[in-house]
Structure formats: C-alpha cells, structure tokens
C-alpha cells in the first residue's frame, strides 16, 4: 500500500441526476444562502447525450462544493444518503422545510423530506439535537417520543415534551399524533369489548 498522504484532500459529494442537474443546481442556489452554480460541461458531438445538453457541472450549496452529472435514469437517489441542515430556530426549520418539500417535494417522518429532484434532506433544529442528547435519559426519551410523531420538527413541542409538559399542539405533526393516539386507544377499547 502506498504511503498515506500528508495533504488533507477535498471531498466533493458527486450526485447523479437523470437529466435535471442544471435545474437542481439553480434551485439549491436560490434556496440556500452562500450558494452558486459553477462550471458547466456540455455534451458535444461525441455524446453520449444530446449535443449542447448539460453533462456535468459543479455548484456550491451553503458553501459546500458539489458536483453532478446528468447520467440518465440508471441510478436514482434514495434515503440511505441525505443532507442534514442544522437550523438555529423554528423560523429556519419552516423556511427550509417549505422551500424543499414544497413545489413537488415530499414530506417524510422525523424531519426528513425529499425535494422535487428526489434528494433527501434532514431539517434539524439545534434544539432537537440538544434534547435528544440530554444527559437526563428521561428528557431525551420524551423528546424522542415527540419527534417520532412529527413530519416537520416543531421546536416548541420538542422542548415541552423534554420538560415533561403536555405540549401545545401547534404543529401539524403534533395534531396528527393526538389523532393517531386517539385512534389507537379507540381500537384498543374496541378489541377489549370484543373479548
């Protein structure tokens, strides 16, 4: 094996798109501060794509360099790779959630979503990370239970749960959680009656 280099390398996530790389790069540049599109390489006479179509390009998202290729539908994104957005408060959570899940994206659970290009993101407030890593395991467990009921993370609900208080049901996820609990309790009562 060769000797370990002394120079720290640059790691660049490289993303495979079907044929919408340029649209995605422009979209991310619009959504994230500190973002921009970069060099573009277009298919020429040699192909394999249509002449003039974007083959590859680089771009920055929030200061992180990315590269991508329009490689066709052979490979697609899935949830095994996602990008985490650390948000300082509920306002940032709401902004990134709405920007990425809206306009063709899909919401998932526990702060995860897919944007309209199929790329997975985690929109995570720092308050959630703090609550889940609380030194008091009971506080952490209550925060975890609250998070498991949510799609978009609601900071006030997470903090209330960690503190052991019945949270104000302000988030859609929390309202849904209450409905699911009621349905579950009703089903359990129904099963008891049948016995």
C-alpha atoms as a PDB file:
ATOM      1  CA  UNK A   1       0.000   0.000   0.000  1.00  0.00           C
ATOM      2  CA  UNK A   2       1.234   3.494  -0.807  1.00  0.00           C
ATOM      3  CA  UNK A   3       2.209   5.893   1.961  1.00  0.00           C
ATOM      4  CA  UNK A   4      -0.566   7.955   3.495  1.00  0.00           C
ATOM      5  CA  UNK A   5      -0.508  11.491   2.009  1.00  0.00           C
ATOM      6  CA  UNK A   6       0.163  14.399   4.358  1.00  0.00           C
ATOM      7  CA  UNK A   7      -2.110  16.765   2.449  1.00  0.00           C
ATOM      8  CA  UNK A   8      -5.750  16.821   3.524  1.00  0.00           C
ATOM      9  CA  UNK A   9      -7.887  16.075   0.433  1.00  0.00           C
ATOM     10  CA  UNK A  10     -11.028  17.895  -0.577  1.00  0.00           C
ATOM     11  CA  UNK A  11     -14.125  15.698  -0.566  1.00  0.00           C
ATOM     12  CA  UNK A  12     -16.843  16.682  -3.018  1.00  0.00           C
ATOM     13  CA  UNK A  13     -20.223  14.926  -2.980  1.00  0.00           C
ATOM     14  CA  UNK A  14     -20.963  13.885  -6.576  1.00  0.00           C
ATOM     15  CA  UNK A  15     -24.636  13.491  -7.430  1.00  0.00           C
ATOM     16  CA  UNK A  16     -26.133  11.511 -10.325  1.00  0.00           C
ATOM     17  CA  UNK A  17     -29.209  13.149 -11.829  1.00  0.00           C
ATOM     18  CA  UNK A  18     -31.392  11.841 -14.638  1.00  0.00           C
ATOM     19  CA  UNK A  19     -31.439  14.989 -16.782  1.00  0.00           C
ATOM     20  CA  UNK A  20     -32.218  17.901 -14.446  1.00  0.00           C
ATOM     21  CA  UNK A  21     -28.839  18.689 -12.867  1.00  0.00           C
ATOM     22  CA  UNK A  22     -28.807  22.319 -14.015  1.00  0.00           C
ATOM     23  CA  UNK A  23     -32.329  22.945 -12.700  1.00  0.00           C
ATOM     24  CA  UNK A  24     -31.381  21.358  -9.359  1.00  0.00           C
ATOM     25  CA  UNK A  25     -28.181  23.419  -9.011  1.00  0.00           C
ATOM     26  CA  UNK A  26     -30.092  26.631  -9.740  1.00  0.00           C
ATOM     27  CA  UNK A  27     -32.820  25.633  -7.292  1.00  0.00           C
ATOM     28  CA  UNK A  28     -30.331  24.967  -4.465  1.00  0.00           C
ATOM     29  CA  UNK A  29     -28.547  28.244  -5.209  1.00  0.00           C
ATOM     30  CA  UNK A  30     -31.868  30.028  -4.787  1.00  0.00           C
ATOM     31  CA  UNK A  31     -32.824  28.221  -1.558  1.00  0.00           C
ATOM     32  CA  UNK A  32     -29.538  28.308   0.380  1.00  0.00           C
ATOM     33  CA  UNK A  33     -27.518  31.428   1.247  1.00  0.00           C
ATOM     34  CA  UNK A  34     -23.864  31.082   0.257  1.00  0.00           C
ATOM     35  CA  UNK A  35     -24.718  29.042  -2.823  1.00  0.00           C
ATOM     36  CA  UNK A  36     -23.927  29.374  -6.503  1.00  0.00           C
ATOM     37  CA  UNK A  37     -23.672  27.467  -9.730  1.00  0.00           C
ATOM     38  CA  UNK A  38     -20.241  26.861 -11.228  1.00  0.00           C
ATOM     39  CA  UNK A  39     -18.544  25.332 -14.247  1.00  0.00           C
ATOM     40  CA  UNK A  40     -20.730  23.554 -16.793  1.00  0.00           C
ATOM     41  CA  UNK A  41     -19.599  20.842 -19.210  1.00  0.00           C
ATOM     42  CA  UNK A  42     -21.963  20.155 -22.109  1.00  0.00           C
ATOM     43  CA  UNK A  43     -22.230  17.098 -24.311  1.00  0.00           C
ATOM     44  CA  UNK A  44     -20.520  17.541 -27.657  1.00  0.00           C
ATOM     45  CA  UNK A  45     -20.512  15.637 -30.925  1.00  0.00           C
ATOM     46  CA  UNK A  46     -19.074  12.544 -29.190  1.00  0.00           C
ATOM     47  CA  UNK A  47     -22.208  12.195 -26.994  1.00  0.00           C
ATOM     48  CA  UNK A  48     -23.431  10.130 -25.332  1.00  0.00           C
ATOM     49  CA  UNK A  49     -26.073  12.758 -24.518  1.00  0.00           C
ATOM     50  CA  UNK A  50     -27.650  15.262 -26.890  1.00  0.00           C
ATOM     51  CA  UNK A  51     -25.207  17.907 -28.108  1.00  0.00           C
ATOM     52  CA  UNK A  52     -25.419  21.063 -26.000  1.00  0.00           C
ATOM     53  CA  UNK A  53     -27.190  19.359 -23.066  1.00  0.00           C
ATOM     54  CA  UNK A  54     -25.509  19.719 -19.652  1.00  0.00           C
ATOM     55  CA  UNK A  55     -23.355  16.655 -18.972  1.00  0.00           C
ATOM     56  CA  UNK A  56     -21.831  17.736 -15.666  1.00  0.00           C
ATOM     57  CA  UNK A  57     -21.342  20.791 -13.521  1.00  0.00           C
ATOM     58  CA  UNK A  58     -20.185  21.912 -10.129  1.00  0.00           C
ATOM     59  CA  UNK A  59     -22.072  24.082  -7.688  1.00  0.00           C
ATOM     60  CA  UNK A  60     -21.986  25.183  -4.066  1.00  0.00           C
ATOM     61  CA  UNK A  61     -24.736  24.727  -1.511  1.00  0.00           C
ATOM     62  CA  UNK A  62     -24.261  26.781   1.661  1.00  0.00           C
ATOM     63  CA  UNK A  63     -20.528  26.906   0.941  1.00  0.00           C
ATOM     64  CA  UNK A  64     -20.167  23.124   0.378  1.00  0.00           C
ATOM     65  CA  UNK A  65     -18.889  22.214  -3.077  1.00  0.00           C
ATOM     66  CA  UNK A  66     -20.877  19.619  -5.032  1.00  0.00           C
ATOM     67  CA  UNK A  67     -20.531  18.151  -8.490  1.00  0.00           C
ATOM     68  CA  UNK A  68     -23.083  16.315 -10.560  1.00  0.00           C
ATOM     69  CA  UNK A  69     -23.799  14.552 -13.806  1.00  0.00           C
ATOM     70  CA  UNK A  70     -26.848  14.085 -15.999  1.00  0.00           C
ATOM     71  CA  UNK A  71     -26.347  10.342 -16.322  1.00  0.00           C
ATOM     72  CA  UNK A  72     -29.847   9.211 -17.193  1.00  0.00           C
ATOM     73  CA  UNK A  73     -32.324   7.124 -15.183  1.00  0.00           C
ATOM     74  CA  UNK A  74     -29.947   4.247 -14.421  1.00  0.00           C
ATOM     75  CA  UNK A  75     -29.370   5.315 -10.790  1.00  0.00           C
ATOM     76  CA  UNK A  76     -31.711   7.256  -8.521  1.00  0.00           C
ATOM     77  CA  UNK A  77     -31.429   8.872  -5.098  1.00  0.00           C
ATOM     78  CA  UNK A  78     -32.741   7.099  -2.014  1.00  0.00           C
ATOM     79  CA  UNK A  79     -32.948   7.773   1.714  1.00  0.00           C
ATOM     80  CA  UNK A  80     -29.706   5.966   2.515  1.00  0.00           C
ATOM     81  CA  UNK A  81     -27.922   9.257   1.753  1.00  0.00           C
ATOM     82  CA  UNK A  82     -29.284  12.581   2.959  1.00  0.00           C
ATOM     83  CA  UNK A  83     -28.007  16.050   3.758  1.00  0.00           C
ATOM     84  CA  UNK A  84     -28.671  17.493   7.206  1.00  0.00           C
ATOM     85  CA  UNK A  85     -29.500  21.170   7.582  1.00  0.00           C
ATOM     86  CA  UNK A  86     -28.731  22.446  11.077  1.00  0.00           C
ATOM     87  CA  UNK A  87     -31.309  25.134  11.858  1.00  0.00           C
ATOM     88  CA  UNK A  88     -30.970  27.666  14.664  1.00  0.00           C
ATOM     89  CA  UNK A  89     -34.719  28.054  15.299  1.00  0.00           C
ATOM     90  CA  UNK A  90     -38.252  27.291  14.124  1.00  0.00           C
ATOM     91  CA  UNK A  91     -38.126  30.094  11.551  1.00  0.00           C
ATOM     92  CA  UNK A  92     -35.227  28.399   9.755  1.00  0.00           C
ATOM     93  CA  UNK A  93     -36.906  24.992  10.043  1.00  0.00           C
ATOM     94  CA  UNK A  94     -40.073  26.407   8.460  1.00  0.00           C
ATOM     95  CA  UNK A  95     -38.140  28.141   5.669  1.00  0.00           C
ATOM     96  CA  UNK A  96     -36.076  25.121   4.591  1.00  0.00           C
ATOM     97  CA  UNK A  97     -38.968  22.684   5.024  1.00  0.00           C
ATOM     98  CA  UNK A  98     -41.292  24.773   2.895  1.00  0.00           C
ATOM     99  CA  UNK A  99     -38.640  25.541   0.262  1.00  0.00           C
ATOM    100  CA  UNK A 100     -37.514  21.930  -0.171  1.00  0.00           C
ATOM    101  CA  UNK A 101     -40.720  19.946   0.400  1.00  0.00           C
ATOM    102  CA  UNK A 102     -42.895  22.422  -1.470  1.00  0.00           C
ATOM    103  CA  UNK A 103     -43.058  22.660  -5.244  1.00  0.00           C
ATOM    104  CA  UNK A 104     -43.051  18.914  -5.857  1.00  0.00           C
ATOM    105  CA  UNK A 105     -41.124  17.583  -2.845  1.00  0.00           C
ATOM    106  CA  UNK A 106     -42.468  15.002  -0.403  1.00  0.00           C
ATOM    107  CA  UNK A 107     -42.551  15.056   3.391  1.00  0.00           C
ATOM    108  CA  UNK A 108     -41.400  12.056   5.372  1.00  0.00           C
ATOM    109  CA  UNK A 109     -41.033  11.477   9.127  1.00  0.00           C
ATOM    110  CA  UNK A 110     -38.849  12.913  11.892  1.00  0.00           C
ATOM    111  CA  UNK A 111     -37.638  15.960   9.964  1.00  0.00           C
ATOM    112  CA  UNK A 112     -36.831  14.096   6.731  1.00  0.00           C
ATOM    113  CA  UNK A 113     -38.074  15.070   3.288  1.00  0.00           C
ATOM    114  CA  UNK A 114     -37.281  14.634  -0.385  1.00  0.00           C
ATOM    115  CA  UNK A 115     -37.040  17.608  -2.696  1.00  0.00           C
ATOM    116  CA  UNK A 116     -38.567  17.569  -6.176  1.00  0.00           C
ATOM    117  CA  UNK A 117     -35.334  16.112  -7.592  1.00  0.00           C
ATOM    118  CA  UNK A 118     -35.518  13.118  -5.231  1.00  0.00           C
ATOM    119  CA  UNK A 119     -32.657  14.182  -2.953  1.00  0.00           C
ATOM    120  CA  UNK A 120     -33.237  13.521   0.766  1.00  0.00           C
ATOM    121  CA  UNK A 121     -32.749  16.208   3.411  1.00  0.00           C
ATOM    122  CA  UNK A 122     -32.991  16.314   7.192  1.00  0.00           C
ATOM    123  CA  UNK A 123     -34.187  19.663   8.540  1.00  0.00           C
ATOM    124  CA  UNK A 124     -32.915  19.595  12.119  1.00  0.00           C
ATOM    125  CA  UNK A 125     -33.199  22.381  14.707  1.00  0.00           C
ATOM    126  CA  UNK A 126     -30.305  22.552  17.164  1.00  0.00           C
ATOM    127  CA  UNK A 127     -32.889  22.308  19.948  1.00  0.00           C
ATOM    128  CA  UNK A 128     -33.805  18.797  18.790  1.00  0.00           C
ATOM    129  CA  UNK A 129     -30.190  17.676  18.822  1.00  0.00           C
ATOM    130  CA  UNK A 130     -29.750  19.138  22.311  1.00  0.00           C
ATOM    131  CA  UNK A 131     -32.916  17.460  23.611  1.00  0.00           C
ATOM    132  CA  UNK A 132     -32.055  14.050  22.146  1.00  0.00           C
ATOM    133  CA  UNK A 133     -28.557  14.183  23.652  1.00  0.00           C
ATOM    134  CA  UNK A 134     -29.722  15.494  27.064  1.00  0.00           C
ATOM    135  CA  UNK A 135     -27.803  13.939  29.972  1.00  0.00           C
ATOM    136  CA  UNK A 136     -31.138  13.129  31.619  1.00  0.00           C
ATOM    137  CA  UNK A 137     -32.309   9.992  29.785  1.00  0.00           C
ATOM    138  CA  UNK A 138     -35.955  10.709  30.679  1.00  0.00           C
ATOM    139  CA  UNK A 139     -35.835  14.129  28.993  1.00  0.00           C
ATOM    140  CA  UNK A 140     -34.137  12.615  25.945  1.00  0.00           C
ATOM    141  CA  UNK A 141     -36.706   9.804  25.771  1.00  0.00           C
ATOM    142  CA  UNK A 142     -39.635  12.248  25.953  1.00  0.00           C
ATOM    143  CA  UNK A 143     -38.081  14.350  23.180  1.00  0.00           C
ATOM    144  CA  UNK A 144     -37.585  11.214  21.082  1.00  0.00           C
ATOM    145  CA  UNK A 145     -41.200  10.156  21.564  1.00  0.00           C
ATOM    146  CA  UNK A 146     -42.396  13.608  20.494  1.00  0.00           C
ATOM    147  CA  UNK A 147     -40.107  13.609  17.436  1.00  0.00           C
ATOM    148  CA  UNK A 148     -41.413  10.227  16.310  1.00  0.00           C
ATOM    149  CA  UNK A 149     -44.896  11.752  15.914  1.00  0.00           C
ATOM    150  CA  UNK A 150     -43.728  14.554  13.606  1.00  0.00           C
ATOM    151  CA  UNK A 151     -43.010  15.144   9.981  1.00  0.00           C
ATOM    152  CA  UNK A 152     -41.609  18.691  10.219  1.00  0.00           C
ATOM    153  CA  UNK A 153     -39.954  19.217  13.606  1.00  0.00           C
ATOM    154  CA  UNK A 154     -41.747  21.627  15.927  1.00  0.00           C
ATOM    155  CA  UNK A 155     -39.258  23.130  18.389  1.00  0.00           C
ATOM    156  CA  UNK A 156     -41.838  24.211  20.996  1.00  0.00           C
ATOM    157  CA  UNK A 157     -43.379  20.738  21.083  1.00  0.00           C
ATOM    158  CA  UNK A 158     -39.964  19.054  21.424  1.00  0.00           C
ATOM    159  CA  UNK A 159     -38.972  21.384  24.269  1.00  0.00           C
ATOM    160  CA  UNK A 160     -42.308  20.951  26.048  1.00  0.00           C
ATOM    161  CA  UNK A 161     -42.047  17.167  25.768  1.00  0.00           C
ATOM    162  CA  UNK A 162     -38.475  17.177  27.091  1.00  0.00           C
ATOM    163  CA  UNK A 163     -39.671  19.266  30.035  1.00  0.00           C
ATOM    164  CA  UNK A 164     -42.423  16.739  30.758  1.00  0.00           C
ATOM    165  CA  UNK A 165     -45.253  19.116  29.913  1.00  0.00           C
ATOM    166  CA  UNK A 166     -48.175  18.432  27.645  1.00  0.00           C
ATOM    167  CA  UNK A 167     -47.113  20.390  24.562  1.00  0.00           C
ATOM    168  CA  UNK A 168     -49.307  22.942  22.901  1.00  0.00           C
ATOM    169  CA  UNK A 169     -50.491  21.260  19.767  1.00  0.00           C
ATOM    170  CA  UNK A 170     -49.280  23.845  17.293  1.00  0.00           C
ATOM    171  CA  UNK A 171     -47.564  21.623  14.766  1.00  0.00           C
ATOM    172  CA  UNK A 172     -49.410  19.574  12.200  1.00  0.00           C
ATOM    173  CA  UNK A 173     -47.310  16.602  13.275  1.00  0.00           C
ATOM    174  CA  UNK A 174     -48.359  17.028  16.890  1.00  0.00           C
ATOM    175  CA  UNK A 175     -52.034  17.339  15.911  1.00  0.00           C
ATOM    176  CA  UNK A 176     -51.665  14.185  13.845  1.00  0.00           C
ATOM    177  CA  UNK A 177     -50.015  12.458  16.798  1.00  0.00           C
ATOM    178  CA  UNK A 178     -53.010  13.238  19.012  1.00  0.00           C
ATOM    179  CA  UNK A 179     -55.372  11.866  16.352  1.00  0.00           C
ATOM    180  CA  UNK A 180     -53.269   8.695  15.966  1.00  0.00           C
ATOM    181  CA  UNK A 181     -53.190   8.179  19.751  1.00  0.00           C
ATOM    182  CA  UNK A 182     -56.971   8.601  19.907  1.00  0.00           C
ATOM    183  CA  UNK A 183     -57.451   6.127  17.043  1.00  0.00           C
ATOM    184  CA  UNK A 184     -55.071   3.659  18.707  1.00  0.00           C
ATOM    185  CA  UNK A 185     -56.857   3.975  22.053  1.00  0.00           C
ATOM    186  CA  UNK A 186     -60.245   3.550  20.375  1.00  0.00           C
ATOM    187  CA  UNK A 187     -59.025   0.432  18.571  1.00  0.00           C
ATOM    188  CA  UNK A 188     -57.667  -0.983  21.840  1.00  0.00           C
ATOM    189  CA  UNK A 189     -61.010  -0.321  23.568  1.00  0.00           C
ATOM    190  CA  UNK A 190     -62.823  -1.987  20.698  1.00  0.00           C
ATOM    191  CA  UNK A 191     -60.618  -5.092  20.969  1.00  0.00           C
ATOM    192  CA  UNK A 192     -61.263  -5.249  24.740  1.00  0.00           C
ATOM    193  CA  UNK A 193     -65.029  -5.118  24.170  1.00  0.00           C
ATOM    194  CA  UNK A 194     -64.854  -7.970  21.664  1.00  0.00           C
ATOM    195  CA  UNK A 195     -63.122 -10.219  24.217  1.00  0.00           C
END
